[in-house]
C-alpha atoms as a PDB file:
ATOM      1  CA  MET A   1     125.401  87.936 118.366  1.00  0.00           C
ATOM      2  CA  SER A   2     129.170  88.017 117.884  1.00  0.00           C
ATOM      3  CA  ALA A   3     131.314  90.158 120.177  1.00  0.00           C
ATOM      4  CA  ASN A   4     132.617  92.028 117.088  1.00  0.00           C
ATOM      5  CA  VAL A   5     129.163  93.204 115.996  1.00  0.00           C
ATOM      6  CA  SER A   6     127.353  96.089 117.652  1.00  0.00           C
ATOM      7  CA  PRO A   7     123.590  96.688 117.568  1.00  0.00           C
ATOM      8  CA  ALA A   8     124.287  99.723 115.347  1.00  0.00           C
ATOM      9  CA  ASP A   9     125.571  97.349 112.647  1.00  0.00           C
ATOM     10  CA  TYR A  10     122.036  96.017 112.224  1.00  0.00           C
ATOM     11  CA  THR A  11     120.570  99.467 111.636  1.00  0.00           C
ATOM     12  CA  THR A  12     123.072 100.599 109.003  1.00  0.00           C
ATOM     13  CA  THR A  13     121.465 100.523 105.599  1.00  0.00           C
ATOM     14  CA  SER A  14     123.520  99.466 102.603  1.00  0.00           C
ATOM     15  CA  PRO A  15     123.307 101.080  99.155  1.00  0.00           C
ATOM     16  CA  LEU A  16     121.333  98.014  98.031  1.00  0.00           C
ATOM     17  CA  GLY A  17     118.985  98.417 100.997  1.00  0.00           C
ATOM     18  CA  ASP A  18     118.532 102.099 100.208  1.00  0.00           C
ATOM     19  CA  SER A  19     117.788 101.262  96.574  1.00  0.00           C
ATOM     20  CA  CYS A  20     115.217  98.716  97.731  1.00  0.00           C
ATOM     21  CA  LEU A  21     113.625 101.333 100.010  1.00  0.00           C
ATOM     22  CA  LEU A  22     113.371 103.787  97.097  1.00  0.00           C
ATOM     23  CA  ILE A  23     111.868 101.219  94.710  1.00  0.00           C
ATOM     24  CA  GLY A  24     109.586  99.969  97.484  1.00  0.00           C
ATOM     25  CA  ARG A  25     108.387 103.500  98.244  1.00  0.00           C
ATOM     26  CA  ILE A  26     107.533 104.019  94.583  1.00  0.00           C
ATOM     27  CA  ALA A  27     105.736 100.665  94.291  1.00  0.00           C
ATOM     28  CA  LEU A  28     103.847 101.232  97.526  1.00  0.00           C
ATOM     29  CA  ILE A  29     102.300 104.525  96.451  1.00  0.00           C
ATOM     30  CA  VAL A  30     101.228 103.674  92.871  1.00  0.00           C
ATOM     31  CA  LEU A  31      97.817 102.475  94.051  1.00  0.00           C
ATOM     32  CA  PHE A  32      97.336 105.588  96.186  1.00  0.00           C
ATOM     33  CA  VAL A  33      98.211 108.021  93.382  1.00  0.00           C
ATOM     34  CA  MET A  34      95.823 106.288  90.977  1.00  0.00           C
ATOM     35  CA  SER A  35      93.065 106.129  93.586  1.00  0.00           C
ATOM     36  CA  GLY A  36      93.537 109.774  94.603  1.00  0.00           C
ATOM     37  CA  ILE A  37      93.402 110.982  91.016  1.00  0.00           C
ATOM     38  CA  ALA A  38      90.279 108.881  90.409  1.00  0.00           C
ATOM     39  CA  LYS A  39      88.642 110.512  93.429  1.00  0.00           C
ATOM     40  CA  PHE A  40      89.368 113.979  92.038  1.00  0.00           C
ATOM     41  CA  THR A  41      88.012 113.098  88.606  1.00  0.00           C
ATOM     42  CA  ASP A  42      84.718 111.969  90.181  1.00  0.00           C
ATOM     43  CA  ILE A  43      84.239 113.810  93.479  1.00  0.00           C
ATOM     44  CA  GLY A  44      80.465 113.326  93.213  1.00  0.00           C
ATOM     45  CA  GLY A  45      80.740 109.561  92.797  1.00  0.00           C
ATOM     46  CA  THR A  46      83.280 109.314  95.602  1.00  0.00           C
ATOM     47  CA  ALA A  47      81.051 111.427  97.859  1.00  0.00           C
ATOM     48  CA  ALA A  48      78.039 109.226  97.037  1.00  0.00           C
ATOM     49  CA  TYR A  49      80.025 106.102  97.976  1.00  0.00           C
ATOM     50  CA  ILE A  50      81.160 107.719 101.243  1.00  0.00           C
ATOM     51  CA  SER A  51      77.568 108.769 101.944  1.00  0.00           C
ATOM     52  CA  SER A  52      76.361 105.194 101.332  1.00  0.00           C
ATOM     53  CA  LYS A  53      78.498 104.134 104.286  1.00  0.00           C
ATOM     54  CA  GLY A  54      76.715 106.649 106.542  1.00  0.00           C
ATOM     55  CA  LEU A  55      79.709 108.931 107.022  1.00  0.00           C
ATOM     56  CA  PRO A  56      79.173 112.686 107.506  1.00  0.00           C
ATOM     57  CA  ALA A  57      80.261 115.453 105.098  1.00  0.00           C
ATOM     58  CA  PRO A  58      80.807 113.109 102.163  1.00  0.00           C
ATOM     59  CA  THR A  59      82.033 115.758  99.709  1.00  0.00           C
ATOM     60  CA  ALA A  60      84.563 117.116 102.201  1.00  0.00           C
ATOM     61  CA  LEU A  61      85.704 113.571 102.993  1.00  0.00           C
ATOM     62  CA  ALA A  62      86.003 112.792  99.265  1.00  0.00           C
ATOM     63  CA  VAL A  63      88.284 115.802  98.752  1.00  0.00           C
ATOM     64  CA  LEU A  64      90.225 115.056 101.934  1.00  0.00           C
ATOM     65  CA  SER A  65      90.749 111.418 100.962  1.00  0.00           C
ATOM     66  CA  GLY A  66      91.929 112.389  97.482  1.00  0.00           C
ATOM     67  CA  LEU A  67      94.353 114.916  98.962  1.00  0.00           C
ATOM     68  CA  THR A  68      95.580 112.390 101.528  1.00  0.00           C
ATOM     69  CA  GLU A  69      96.284 109.821  98.835  1.00  0.00           C
ATOM     70  CA  VAL A  70      97.957 112.132  96.316  1.00  0.00           C
ATOM     71  CA  VAL A  71      99.928 114.383  98.681  1.00  0.00           C
ATOM     72  CA  GLY A  72     100.850 111.523 101.002  1.00  0.00           C
ATOM     73  CA  SER A  73     102.074 109.504  98.030  1.00  0.00           C
ATOM     74  CA  LEU A  74     104.223 112.324  96.712  1.00  0.00           C
ATOM     75  CA  LEU A  75     105.763 112.846 100.154  1.00  0.00           C
ATOM     76  CA  ILE A  76     106.525 109.129 100.466  1.00  0.00           C
ATOM     77  CA  VAL A  77     108.111 108.927  97.016  1.00  0.00           C
ATOM     78  CA  ILE A  78     110.394 111.932  97.593  1.00  0.00           C
ATOM     79  CA  GLY A  79     111.047 110.772 101.138  1.00  0.00           C
ATOM     80  CA  TRP A  80     110.084 113.891 103.074  1.00  0.00           C
ATOM     81  CA  GLN A  81     108.883 113.407 106.673  1.00  0.00           C
ATOM     82  CA  THR A  82     108.627 109.758 105.691  1.00  0.00           C
ATOM     83  CA  ARG A  83     108.110 108.240 109.124  1.00  0.00           C
ATOM     84  CA  ILE A  84     105.274 110.631 110.016  1.00  0.00           C
ATOM     85  CA  VAL A  85     103.603 110.410 106.599  1.00  0.00           C
ATOM     86  CA  ALA A  86     103.867 106.608 106.631  1.00  0.00           C
ATOM     87  CA  LEU A  87     102.109 106.502 110.010  1.00  0.00           C
ATOM     88  CA  GLY A  88      99.413 108.840 108.693  1.00  0.00           C
ATOM     89  CA  LEU A  89      98.832 106.690 105.613  1.00  0.00           C
ATOM     90  CA  LEU A  90      98.842 103.576 107.795  1.00  0.00           C
ATOM     91  CA  VAL A  91      95.974 105.011 109.862  1.00  0.00           C
ATOM     92  CA  TYR A  92      94.172 106.190 106.713  1.00  0.00           C
ATOM     93  CA  THR A  93      94.490 102.719 105.164  1.00  0.00           C
ATOM     94  CA  LEU A  94      93.138 100.960 108.255  1.00  0.00           C
ATOM     95  CA  ILE A  95      90.214 103.403 108.484  1.00  0.00           C
ATOM     96  CA  ALA A  96      89.429 102.790 104.809  1.00  0.00           C
ATOM     97  CA  ALA A  97      89.514  99.024 105.384  1.00  0.00           C
ATOM     98  CA  TYR A  98      87.139  99.299 108.344  1.00  0.00           C
ATOM     99  CA  PHE A  99      84.541 101.494 106.642  1.00  0.00           C
ATOM    100  CA  PHE A 100      84.754 100.407 103.011  1.00  0.00           C
ATOM    101  CA  HIS A 101      85.776  96.734 103.121  1.00  0.00           C
ATOM    102  CA  ASP A 102      83.620  95.642 106.055  1.00  0.00           C
ATOM    103  CA  PHE A 103      83.217  92.039 104.931  1.00  0.00           C
ATOM    104  CA  TRP A 104      81.987  90.983 108.383  1.00  0.00           C
ATOM    105  CA  HIS A 105      78.663  92.721 107.602  1.00  0.00           C
ATOM    106  CA  LEU A 106      78.126  90.852 104.346  1.00  0.00           C
ATOM    107  CA  PRO A 107      76.518  87.447 103.787  1.00  0.00           C
ATOM    108  CA  GLN A 108      78.655  84.549 102.582  1.00  0.00           C
ATOM    109  CA  GLY A 109      79.401  84.735  98.875  1.00  0.00           C
ATOM    110  CA  ALA A 110      81.449  86.502  96.217  1.00  0.00           C
ATOM    111  CA  GLU A 111      80.804  90.028  97.507  1.00  0.00           C
ATOM    112  CA  ARG A 112      81.981  89.089 101.013  1.00  0.00           C
ATOM    113  CA  LEU A 113      85.076  87.357  99.630  1.00  0.00           C
ATOM    114  CA  ASP A 114      85.924  90.392  97.498  1.00  0.00           C
ATOM    115  CA  ALA A 115      85.536  92.765 100.466  1.00  0.00           C
ATOM    116  CA  MET A 116      87.620  90.435 102.647  1.00  0.00           C
ATOM    117  CA  ILE A 117      90.423  90.327 100.085  1.00  0.00           C
ATOM    118  CA  HIS A 118      90.418  94.126  99.901  1.00  0.00           C
ATOM    119  CA  ALA A 119      90.415  94.422 103.710  1.00  0.00           C
ATOM    120  CA  PHE A 120      93.404  92.110 104.023  1.00  0.00           C
ATOM    121  CA  LYS A 121      95.137  93.904 101.134  1.00  0.00           C
ATOM    122  CA  ASN A 122      94.755  97.100 103.147  1.00  0.00           C
ATOM    123  CA  LEU A 123      96.148  95.328 106.204  1.00  0.00           C
ATOM    124  CA  SER A 124      99.189  94.268 104.157  1.00  0.00           C
ATOM    125  CA  ILE A 125      99.674  97.799 102.852  1.00  0.00           C
ATOM    126  CA  ALA A 126      99.391  99.094 106.426  1.00  0.00           C
ATOM    127  CA  GLY A 127     102.171  96.653 107.335  1.00  0.00           C
ATOM    128  CA  ALA A 128     104.359  98.110 104.601  1.00  0.00           C
ATOM    129  CA  PHE A 129     103.699 101.622 105.928  1.00  0.00           C
ATOM    130  CA  LEU A 130     104.587 100.419 109.418  1.00  0.00           C
ATOM    131  CA  MET A 131     107.913  99.043 108.161  1.00  0.00           C
ATOM    132  CA  LEU A 132     108.573 102.319 106.348  1.00  0.00           C
ATOM    133  CA  ALA A 133     107.781 104.261 109.514  1.00  0.00           C
ATOM    134  CA  GLY A 134     110.277 102.079 111.364  1.00  0.00           C
ATOM    135  CA  SER A 135     113.046 102.140 108.773  1.00  0.00           C
ATOM    136  CA  GLY A 136     112.714 105.619 107.335  1.00  0.00           C
ATOM    137  CA  ALA A 137     113.145 106.413 103.658  1.00  0.00           C
ATOM    138  CA  GLY A 138     116.833 105.579 103.347  1.00  0.00           C
ATOM    139  CA  ARG A 139     119.613 107.636 101.851  1.00  0.00           C
ATOM    140  CA  TYR A 140     117.810 108.360  98.547  1.00  0.00           C
ATOM    141  CA  SER A 141     115.350 110.791 100.105  1.00  0.00           C
ATOM    142  CA  VAL A 142     114.815 114.382 101.141  1.00  0.00           C
ATOM    143  CA  ASP A 143     114.954 113.198 104.759  1.00  0.00           C
ATOM    144  CA  ALA A 144     118.512 111.887 104.290  1.00  0.00           C
ATOM    145  CA  ARG A 145     119.642 115.093 102.553  1.00  0.00           C
ATOM    146  CA  ALA A 146     118.192 117.144 105.416  1.00  0.00           C
ATOM    147  CA  LEU A 147     120.152 115.067 107.940  1.00  0.00           C
ATOM    148  CA  CYS A 148     123.375 115.582 105.969  1.00  0.00           C
ATOM    149  CA  THR A 149     122.745 119.315 105.601  1.00  0.00           C
ATOM    150  CA  ASN A 150     122.042 119.721 109.304  1.00  0.00           C
ATOM    151  CA  GLY A 151     125.301 117.942 110.114  1.00  0.00           C
ATOM    152  CA  ARG A 152     123.820 114.950 111.901  1.00  0.00           C
END
């Protein structure tokens, strides 16, 4: 590191970086919005799938998962409490991978491969949420406006 560069220089986000964070936030949540809406349009089917995995209170979990996906997505896209919401969705995504893409319980074949791909997709998405939790939403967010308003 050069003597003329401080550690703070590496944490300053440029307008391009902030634009990338905004576009990335939008791209990251598309799957969650669609999945959450699908859960609400078929609570019974979602509850039956949850029940098939041996989890308790399947209808309550179906509603809770739909709410988590839709509300969490909206909070991420507007950038409100982004770091906390990203950590929450990270945990949610890893839990979903463990219970619903448990390829290690399946015999070799197409079904196992499909579940494994979905599990690793969830792991990748969790990584994106982890990066978002670390970086924050950037300047194009409610979080950034709140910091400016509060004089920080």
